[in-house]
Amino acid sequence: MNTSPSSVHHPWRDEHRVDAPFISADVPSEIGRLRVEHAYETEGHAGRTLAKFPDLRVVLEAMKRGVSLPFHETAERMTLHVVLGQVRVSTGDGEQSDLAEGSFAAIEAARVLHIECLEECAFVLTLAWPPAARRADVPLEKGTGI
């Protein structure tokens, strides 16, 4: 087995493409990297795009206790998976859920959200672009009419 530096697998590097056909990430290491970023220190949160495709985005976010992401509306369906700590997710119509480490939520498109970090936390957001946007991003196949 060749273990020269060029053949050793490094799960994630700065030069790693977020649109490669296969992407893997060491999430605990990425959380550590986010926690030393300037944005984490000054704004209380930092994020990194792990994967970026025309119809899908995956973002890792790390937040300090007490920090909130403001209400915003997304045109995409999304999932939120808490990998560390605890968060509170609220919608503009009064729905609210506290999610602990290991918890998961699926959220319909066009929901107004507020995410509050109840204890130091990290979570993965997966955003799925709606079919109309996906169709606009993908060129038509010649002769298919699709």
N, C-alpha and C. Protein backbone atom coordinates (compact mmCIF):
# COMPACT_ATOMS: atom_id res chain seq x y z
N MET A 1 0.84 -1.18 0.00
CA MET A 1 0.00 0.00 0.00
C MET A 1 0.88 1.23 0.00
N ASN A 2 0.59 2.16 -0.87
CA ASN A 2 1.36 3.39 -0.98
C ASN A 2 0.80 4.41 0.00
N THR A 3 1.63 4.87 0.93
CA THR A 3 1.18 5.85 1.90
C THR A 3 1.98 7.15 1.78
N SER A 4 2.50 7.41 0.60
CA SER A 4 3.18 8.68 0.39
C SER A 4 2.18 9.80 0.61
N PRO A 5 2.64 11.03 0.95
CA PRO A 5 1.72 12.12 1.24
C PRO A 5 0.67 12.34 0.15
N SER A 6 1.02 12.11 -1.10
CA SER A 6 0.04 12.36 -2.16
C SER A 6 -1.05 11.29 -2.22
N SER A 7 -0.83 10.12 -1.63
CA SER A 7 -1.84 9.07 -1.70
C SER A 7 -2.65 8.93 -0.41
N VAL A 8 -2.27 9.62 0.67
CA VAL A 8 -3.01 9.55 1.92
C VAL A 8 -4.28 10.38 1.77
N HIS A 9 -5.42 9.79 2.17
CA HIS A 9 -6.71 10.48 2.06
C HIS A 9 -6.82 11.54 3.15
N HIS A 10 -7.06 12.77 2.74
CA HIS A 10 -7.35 13.85 3.67
C HIS A 10 -8.80 14.24 3.45
N PRO A 11 -9.69 13.99 4.42
CA PRO A 11 -11.12 14.18 4.20
C PRO A 11 -11.52 15.59 3.78
N TRP A 12 -10.79 16.60 4.21
CA TRP A 12 -11.23 17.95 3.90
C TRP A 12 -10.02 18.87 3.90
N ARG A 13 -9.89 19.69 2.90
CA ARG A 13 -8.84 20.69 2.80
C ARG A 13 -9.45 21.96 2.26
N ASP A 14 -8.76 23.09 2.45
CA ASP A 14 -9.26 24.35 1.93
C ASP A 14 -9.48 24.29 0.43
N GLU A 15 -8.62 23.57 -0.29
CA GLU A 15 -8.75 23.53 -1.74
C GLU A 15 -9.78 22.49 -2.20
N HIS A 16 -10.42 21.82 -1.28
CA HIS A 16 -11.43 20.82 -1.61
C HIS A 16 -12.60 21.48 -2.32
N ARG A 17 -12.99 20.93 -3.44
CA ARG A 17 -14.12 21.47 -4.20
C ARG A 17 -15.43 21.08 -3.54
N VAL A 18 -16.34 22.04 -3.45
CA VAL A 18 -17.65 21.79 -2.86
C VAL A 18 -18.65 21.28 -3.89
N ASP A 19 -18.20 21.16 -5.16
CA ASP A 19 -19.09 20.66 -6.22
C ASP A 19 -18.54 19.41 -6.89
N ALA A 20 -17.64 18.70 -6.20
CA ALA A 20 -17.04 17.48 -6.74
C ALA A 20 -18.07 16.36 -6.77
N PRO A 21 -17.86 15.34 -7.61
CA PRO A 21 -18.81 14.21 -7.68
C PRO A 21 -18.93 13.43 -6.37
N PHE A 22 -17.89 13.45 -5.54
CA PHE A 22 -17.93 12.79 -4.24
C PHE A 22 -17.27 13.72 -3.23
N ILE A 23 -17.98 13.99 -2.15
CA ILE A 23 -17.48 14.91 -1.13
C ILE A 23 -17.61 14.24 0.22
N SER A 24 -16.55 14.31 1.00
CA SER A 24 -16.63 13.84 2.38
C SER A 24 -16.01 14.91 3.27
N ALA A 25 -16.44 14.96 4.50
CA ALA A 25 -15.92 15.95 5.43
C ALA A 25 -15.85 15.36 6.83
N ASP A 26 -14.84 15.74 7.55
CA ASP A 26 -14.69 15.37 8.95
C ASP A 26 -15.39 16.47 9.75
N VAL A 27 -16.65 16.26 10.09
CA VAL A 27 -17.46 17.30 10.70
C VAL A 27 -16.87 17.80 12.02
N PRO A 28 -16.41 16.96 12.94
CA PRO A 28 -15.81 17.50 14.17
C PRO A 28 -14.60 18.41 13.89
N SER A 29 -13.77 18.05 12.93
CA SER A 29 -12.63 18.91 12.58
C SER A 29 -13.10 20.23 11.98
N GLU A 30 -14.13 20.17 11.15
CA GLU A 30 -14.67 21.39 10.55
C GLU A 30 -15.27 22.30 11.61
N ILE A 31 -15.93 21.74 12.61
CA ILE A 31 -16.46 22.55 13.71
C ILE A 31 -15.31 23.24 14.42
N GLY A 32 -14.24 22.53 14.68
CA GLY A 32 -13.05 23.12 15.30
C GLY A 32 -12.49 24.27 14.48
N ARG A 33 -12.45 24.11 13.17
CA ARG A 33 -11.96 25.17 12.29
C ARG A 33 -12.88 26.37 12.33
N LEU A 34 -14.19 26.14 12.35
CA LEU A 34 -15.13 27.26 12.40
C LEU A 34 -14.99 28.05 13.69
N ARG A 35 -14.73 27.38 14.79
CA ARG A 35 -14.64 28.04 16.10
C ARG A 35 -13.42 28.95 16.23
N VAL A 36 -12.43 28.81 15.37
CA VAL A 36 -11.27 29.70 15.43
C VAL A 36 -11.32 30.80 14.37
N GLU A 37 -12.38 30.84 13.58
CA GLU A 37 -12.52 31.88 12.58
C GLU A 37 -12.88 33.21 13.22
N HIS A 38 -12.49 34.29 12.57
CA HIS A 38 -12.76 35.64 13.05
C HIS A 38 -14.27 35.87 13.21
N ALA A 39 -15.06 35.42 12.26
CA ALA A 39 -16.51 35.61 12.32
C ALA A 39 -17.10 34.97 13.57
N TYR A 40 -16.59 33.81 13.95
CA TYR A 40 -17.11 33.13 15.14
C TYR A 40 -16.84 33.99 16.38
N GLU A 41 -15.65 34.56 16.44
CA GLU A 41 -15.28 35.39 17.58
C GLU A 41 -16.09 36.68 17.62
N THR A 42 -16.24 37.35 16.48
CA THR A 42 -16.87 38.67 16.46
C THR A 42 -18.39 38.62 16.33
N GLU A 43 -18.93 37.68 15.57
CA GLU A 43 -20.37 37.62 15.34
C GLU A 43 -21.06 36.51 16.12
N GLY A 44 -20.26 35.60 16.68
CA GLY A 44 -20.83 34.51 17.47
C GLY A 44 -21.23 33.30 16.66
N HIS A 45 -20.99 33.34 15.34
CA HIS A 45 -21.28 32.17 14.51
C HIS A 45 -20.43 32.23 13.25
N ALA A 46 -20.21 31.05 12.69
CA ALA A 46 -19.46 30.93 11.44
C ALA A 46 -19.98 29.70 10.71
N GLY A 47 -19.95 29.76 9.39
CA GLY A 47 -20.44 28.64 8.60
C GLY A 47 -19.53 28.33 7.44
N ARG A 48 -19.68 27.14 6.92
CA ARG A 48 -18.89 26.68 5.77
C ARG A 48 -19.79 25.83 4.89
N THR A 49 -19.75 26.11 3.60
CA THR A 49 -20.47 25.29 2.64
C THR A 49 -19.69 23.99 2.44
N LEU A 50 -20.34 22.87 2.70
CA LEU A 50 -19.69 21.57 2.52
C LEU A 50 -19.92 21.01 1.13
N ALA A 51 -21.10 21.28 0.57
CA ALA A 51 -21.44 20.79 -0.77
C ALA A 51 -22.32 21.82 -1.45
N LYS A 52 -22.08 22.01 -2.77
CA LYS A 52 -22.84 23.01 -3.52
C LYS A 52 -23.09 22.48 -4.93
N PHE A 53 -24.36 22.17 -5.20
CA PHE A 53 -24.78 21.68 -6.50
C PHE A 53 -25.94 22.55 -6.98
N PRO A 54 -26.32 22.47 -8.25
CA PRO A 54 -27.43 23.30 -8.73
C PRO A 54 -28.73 23.10 -7.95
N ASP A 55 -28.97 21.90 -7.42
CA ASP A 55 -30.24 21.63 -6.74
C ASP A 55 -30.09 21.33 -5.25
N LEU A 56 -28.87 21.54 -4.69
CA LEU A 56 -28.64 21.15 -3.30
C LEU A 56 -27.48 21.93 -2.71
N ARG A 57 -27.64 22.39 -1.48
CA ARG A 57 -26.56 23.01 -0.72
C ARG A 57 -26.52 22.34 0.64
N VAL A 58 -25.30 22.14 1.17
CA VAL A 58 -25.12 21.61 2.52
C VAL A 58 -24.16 22.56 3.24
N VAL A 59 -24.62 23.11 4.37
CA VAL A 59 -23.85 24.11 5.11
C VAL A 59 -23.71 23.66 6.55
N LEU A 60 -22.49 23.75 7.07
CA LEU A 60 -22.22 23.48 8.48
C LEU A 60 -22.12 24.83 9.18
N GLU A 61 -22.85 24.99 10.27
CA GLU A 61 -22.85 26.24 11.02
C GLU A 61 -22.49 25.94 12.47
N ALA A 62 -21.60 26.76 13.06
CA ALA A 62 -21.25 26.66 14.47
C ALA A 62 -21.65 27.98 15.13
N MET A 63 -22.25 27.90 16.32
CA MET A 63 -22.73 29.10 17.00
C MET A 63 -22.41 29.04 18.49
N LYS A 64 -22.19 30.25 19.04
CA LYS A 64 -22.01 30.39 20.48
C LYS A 64 -23.38 30.44 21.17
N ARG A 65 -23.38 30.05 22.42
CA ARG A 65 -24.61 30.09 23.23
C ARG A 65 -25.19 31.50 23.23
N GLY A 66 -26.52 31.58 23.06
CA GLY A 66 -27.21 32.86 23.10
C GLY A 66 -27.27 33.60 21.78
N VAL A 67 -26.54 33.12 20.78
CA VAL A 67 -26.53 33.78 19.48
C VAL A 67 -27.73 33.30 18.67
N SER A 68 -28.30 34.21 17.89
CA SER A 68 -29.45 33.87 17.04
C SER A 68 -29.16 34.26 15.60
N LEU A 69 -29.71 33.49 14.70
CA LEU A 69 -29.74 33.87 13.30
C LEU A 69 -31.10 34.52 13.09
N PRO A 70 -31.15 35.67 12.46
CA PRO A 70 -32.42 36.40 12.34
C PRO A 70 -33.44 35.67 11.47
N PHE A 71 -34.68 36.12 11.60
CA PHE A 71 -35.75 35.58 10.77
C PHE A 71 -35.39 35.80 9.31
N HIS A 72 -35.58 34.79 8.53
CA HIS A 72 -35.39 34.90 7.09
C HIS A 72 -36.27 33.86 6.42
N GLU A 73 -36.61 34.12 5.17
CA GLU A 73 -37.47 33.21 4.43
C GLU A 73 -36.65 32.55 3.34
N THR A 74 -36.77 31.23 3.23
CA THR A 74 -36.04 30.52 2.20
C THR A 74 -37.02 29.99 1.17
N ALA A 75 -36.59 29.98 -0.07
CA ALA A 75 -37.42 29.44 -1.14
C ALA A 75 -37.22 27.93 -1.26
N GLU A 76 -36.34 27.38 -0.44
CA GLU A 76 -36.00 25.97 -0.54
C GLU A 76 -36.54 25.21 0.67
N ARG A 77 -36.85 23.95 0.43
CA ARG A 77 -37.08 23.05 1.56
C ARG A 77 -35.73 22.84 2.20
N MET A 78 -35.74 22.59 3.51
CA MET A 78 -34.45 22.35 4.15
C MET A 78 -34.59 21.38 5.31
N THR A 79 -33.46 20.82 5.65
CA THR A 79 -33.38 20.01 6.85
C THR A 79 -32.32 20.64 7.75
N LEU A 80 -32.48 20.44 9.04
CA LEU A 80 -31.52 20.91 10.03
C LEU A 80 -31.22 19.72 10.93
N HIS A 81 -29.95 19.37 11.02
CA HIS A 81 -29.52 18.25 11.87
C HIS A 81 -28.53 18.81 12.88
N VAL A 82 -28.87 18.73 14.16
CA VAL A 82 -28.01 19.24 15.22
C VAL A 82 -26.93 18.20 15.51
N VAL A 83 -25.68 18.59 15.34
CA VAL A 83 -24.58 17.65 15.60
C VAL A 83 -23.88 17.93 16.93
N LEU A 84 -24.17 19.11 17.51
CA LEU A 84 -23.57 19.47 18.80
C LEU A 84 -24.45 20.48 19.49
N GLY A 85 -24.70 20.30 20.78
CA GLY A 85 -25.44 21.28 21.56
C GLY A 85 -26.93 21.24 21.37
N GLN A 86 -27.56 22.43 21.48
CA GLN A 86 -29.01 22.52 21.40
C GLN A 86 -29.41 23.83 20.75
N VAL A 87 -30.42 23.77 19.86
CA VAL A 87 -30.93 24.96 19.18
C VAL A 87 -32.45 25.04 19.34
N ARG A 88 -32.97 26.24 19.19
CA ARG A 88 -34.42 26.45 19.14
C ARG A 88 -34.73 26.99 17.76
N VAL A 89 -35.65 26.32 17.06
CA VAL A 89 -36.07 26.72 15.73
C VAL A 89 -37.49 27.25 15.84
N SER A 90 -37.72 28.46 15.33
CA SER A 90 -39.05 29.08 15.36
C SER A 90 -39.45 29.49 13.96
N THR A 91 -40.75 29.44 13.70
CA THR A 91 -41.28 29.92 12.43
C THR A 91 -42.08 31.18 12.68
N GLY A 92 -42.33 31.93 11.64
CA GLY A 92 -43.08 33.16 11.76
C GLY A 92 -44.51 32.97 12.20
N ASP A 93 -45.05 31.77 12.03
CA ASP A 93 -46.45 31.53 12.44
C ASP A 93 -46.55 30.89 13.82
N GLY A 94 -45.48 30.99 14.61
CA GLY A 94 -45.56 30.58 16.00
C GLY A 94 -45.11 29.17 16.32
N GLU A 95 -44.78 28.36 15.32
CA GLU A 95 -44.26 27.02 15.62
C GLU A 95 -42.86 27.16 16.20
N GLN A 96 -42.55 26.29 17.17
CA GLN A 96 -41.24 26.34 17.80
C GLN A 96 -40.85 24.95 18.26
N SER A 97 -39.57 24.63 18.15
CA SER A 97 -39.09 23.34 18.60
C SER A 97 -37.66 23.47 19.10
N ASP A 98 -37.39 22.88 20.26
CA ASP A 98 -36.03 22.80 20.78
C ASP A 98 -35.44 21.48 20.31
N LEU A 99 -34.29 21.57 19.67
CA LEU A 99 -33.64 20.39 19.11
C LEU A 99 -32.30 20.18 19.80
N ALA A 100 -32.12 19.00 20.39
CA ALA A 100 -30.88 18.66 21.07
C ALA A 100 -29.95 17.92 20.10
N GLU A 101 -28.73 17.74 20.52
CA GLU A 101 -27.72 17.02 19.74
C GLU A 101 -28.31 15.71 19.21
N GLY A 102 -28.15 15.49 17.91
CA GLY A 102 -28.67 14.30 17.27
C GLY A 102 -30.07 14.47 16.70
N SER A 103 -30.74 15.57 17.03
CA SER A 103 -32.10 15.81 16.54
C SER A 103 -32.08 16.33 15.10
N PHE A 104 -33.25 16.20 14.48
CA PHE A 104 -33.41 16.52 13.07
C PHE A 104 -34.74 17.23 12.88
N ALA A 105 -34.78 18.18 11.95
CA ALA A 105 -36.04 18.82 11.58
C ALA A 105 -36.07 19.00 10.07
N ALA A 106 -37.24 18.83 9.49
CA ALA A 106 -37.46 19.10 8.06
C ALA A 106 -38.42 20.27 7.99
N ILE A 107 -38.09 21.26 7.14
CA ILE A 107 -38.84 22.50 7.11
C ILE A 107 -39.27 22.79 5.67
N GLU A 108 -40.55 23.03 5.48
CA GLU A 108 -41.10 23.33 4.16
C GLU A 108 -40.56 24.66 3.64
N ALA A 109 -40.57 24.82 2.33
CA ALA A 109 -40.11 26.05 1.69
C ALA A 109 -40.96 27.23 2.12
N ALA A 110 -40.38 28.42 2.01
CA ALA A 110 -41.06 29.69 2.28
C ALA A 110 -41.53 29.82 3.73
N ARG A 111 -40.82 29.21 4.65
CA ARG A 111 -41.12 29.36 6.08
C ARG A 111 -40.16 30.39 6.64
N VAL A 112 -40.64 31.28 7.45
CA VAL A 112 -39.79 32.27 8.09
C VAL A 112 -39.18 31.60 9.31
N LEU A 113 -37.86 31.65 9.44
CA LEU A 113 -37.16 30.94 10.50
C LEU A 113 -36.36 31.84 11.41
N HIS A 114 -36.22 31.39 12.62
CA HIS A 114 -35.32 32.00 13.58
C HIS A 114 -34.62 30.83 14.25
N ILE A 115 -33.31 30.85 14.26
CA ILE A 115 -32.55 29.77 14.89
C ILE A 115 -31.74 30.38 16.02
N GLU A 116 -31.97 29.88 17.23
CA GLU A 116 -31.29 30.38 18.41
C GLU A 116 -30.46 29.26 19.03
N CYS A 117 -29.24 29.57 19.38
CA CYS A 117 -28.35 28.59 20.01
C CYS A 117 -28.58 28.63 21.52
N LEU A 118 -29.13 27.55 22.08
CA LEU A 118 -29.42 27.48 23.51
C LEU A 118 -28.20 27.09 24.32
N GLU A 119 -27.32 26.32 23.72
CA GLU A 119 -26.01 26.02 24.29
C GLU A 119 -25.07 25.87 23.11
N GLU A 120 -23.79 26.09 23.33
CA GLU A 120 -22.86 26.07 22.20
C GLU A 120 -23.24 24.93 21.25
N CYS A 121 -23.36 25.26 19.96
CA CYS A 121 -23.95 24.29 19.05
C CYS A 121 -23.30 24.30 17.68
N ALA A 122 -23.60 23.26 16.94
CA ALA A 122 -23.24 23.15 15.52
C ALA A 122 -24.34 22.33 14.87
N PHE A 123 -24.68 22.72 13.63
CA PHE A 123 -25.73 22.01 12.92
C PHE A 123 -25.45 22.04 11.43
N VAL A 124 -26.04 21.06 10.75
CA VAL A 124 -25.91 20.96 9.30
C VAL A 124 -27.26 21.34 8.70
N LEU A 125 -27.24 22.33 7.81
CA LEU A 125 -28.42 22.72 7.04
C LEU A 125 -28.27 22.14 5.65
N THR A 126 -29.29 21.47 5.18
CA THR A 126 -29.32 20.97 3.81
C THR A 126 -30.49 21.67 3.12
N LEU A 127 -30.19 22.38 2.03
CA LEU A 127 -31.20 23.14 1.30
C LEU A 127 -31.40 22.52 -0.07
N ALA A 128 -32.63 22.18 -0.38
CA ALA A 128 -32.97 21.58 -1.67
C ALA A 128 -33.70 22.61 -2.51
N TRP A 129 -33.16 22.93 -3.66
CA TRP A 129 -33.77 23.93 -4.53
C TRP A 129 -35.10 23.41 -5.06
N PRO A 130 -36.09 24.27 -5.20
CA PRO A 130 -37.40 23.82 -5.71
C PRO A 130 -37.32 23.40 -7.18
N PRO A 131 -38.23 22.54 -7.62
CA PRO A 131 -38.19 22.04 -9.00
C PRO A 131 -38.12 23.13 -10.06
N ALA A 132 -38.86 24.23 -9.91
CA ALA A 132 -38.84 25.29 -10.93
C ALA A 132 -37.43 25.87 -11.07
N ALA A 133 -36.75 26.11 -9.96
CA ALA A 133 -35.40 26.64 -10.01
C ALA A 133 -34.45 25.61 -10.61
N ARG A 134 -34.67 24.34 -10.26
CA ARG A 134 -33.81 23.29 -10.80
C ARG A 134 -33.96 23.23 -12.32
N ARG A 135 -35.19 23.31 -12.82
CA ARG A 135 -35.40 23.27 -14.26
C ARG A 135 -34.71 24.44 -14.94
N ALA A 136 -34.73 25.61 -14.30
CA ALA A 136 -34.12 26.80 -14.90
C ALA A 136 -32.60 26.67 -14.96
N ASP A 137 -32.01 25.92 -14.01
CA ASP A 137 -30.56 25.77 -13.96
C ASP A 137 -30.04 24.68 -14.89
N VAL A 138 -30.88 23.75 -15.31
CA VAL A 138 -30.44 22.60 -16.10
C VAL A 138 -30.84 22.80 -17.56
N PRO A 139 -29.85 22.80 -18.47
CA PRO A 139 -30.21 22.99 -19.88
C PRO A 139 -31.05 21.83 -20.40
N LEU A 140 -31.94 22.11 -21.36
CA LEU A 140 -32.77 21.08 -21.97
C LEU A 140 -31.94 20.11 -22.78
N GLU A 141 -32.28 18.85 -22.70
CA GLU A 141 -31.63 17.84 -23.54
C GLU A 141 -32.12 18.02 -24.96
N LYS A 142 -31.23 17.98 -25.93
CA LYS A 142 -31.61 18.15 -27.33
C LYS A 142 -32.60 17.09 -27.75
N GLY A 143 -33.75 17.53 -28.28
CA GLY A 143 -34.72 16.60 -28.84
C GLY A 143 -35.60 15.91 -27.82
N THR A 144 -35.45 16.20 -26.51
CA THR A 144 -36.27 15.49 -25.52
C THR A 144 -37.54 16.25 -25.19
N GLY A 145 -37.52 17.58 -25.36
CA GLY A 145 -38.68 18.37 -24.98
C GLY A 145 -38.85 18.52 -23.49
N ILE A 146 -37.88 18.07 -22.71
CA ILE A 146 -37.96 18.16 -21.24
C ILE A 146 -37.18 19.36 -20.78
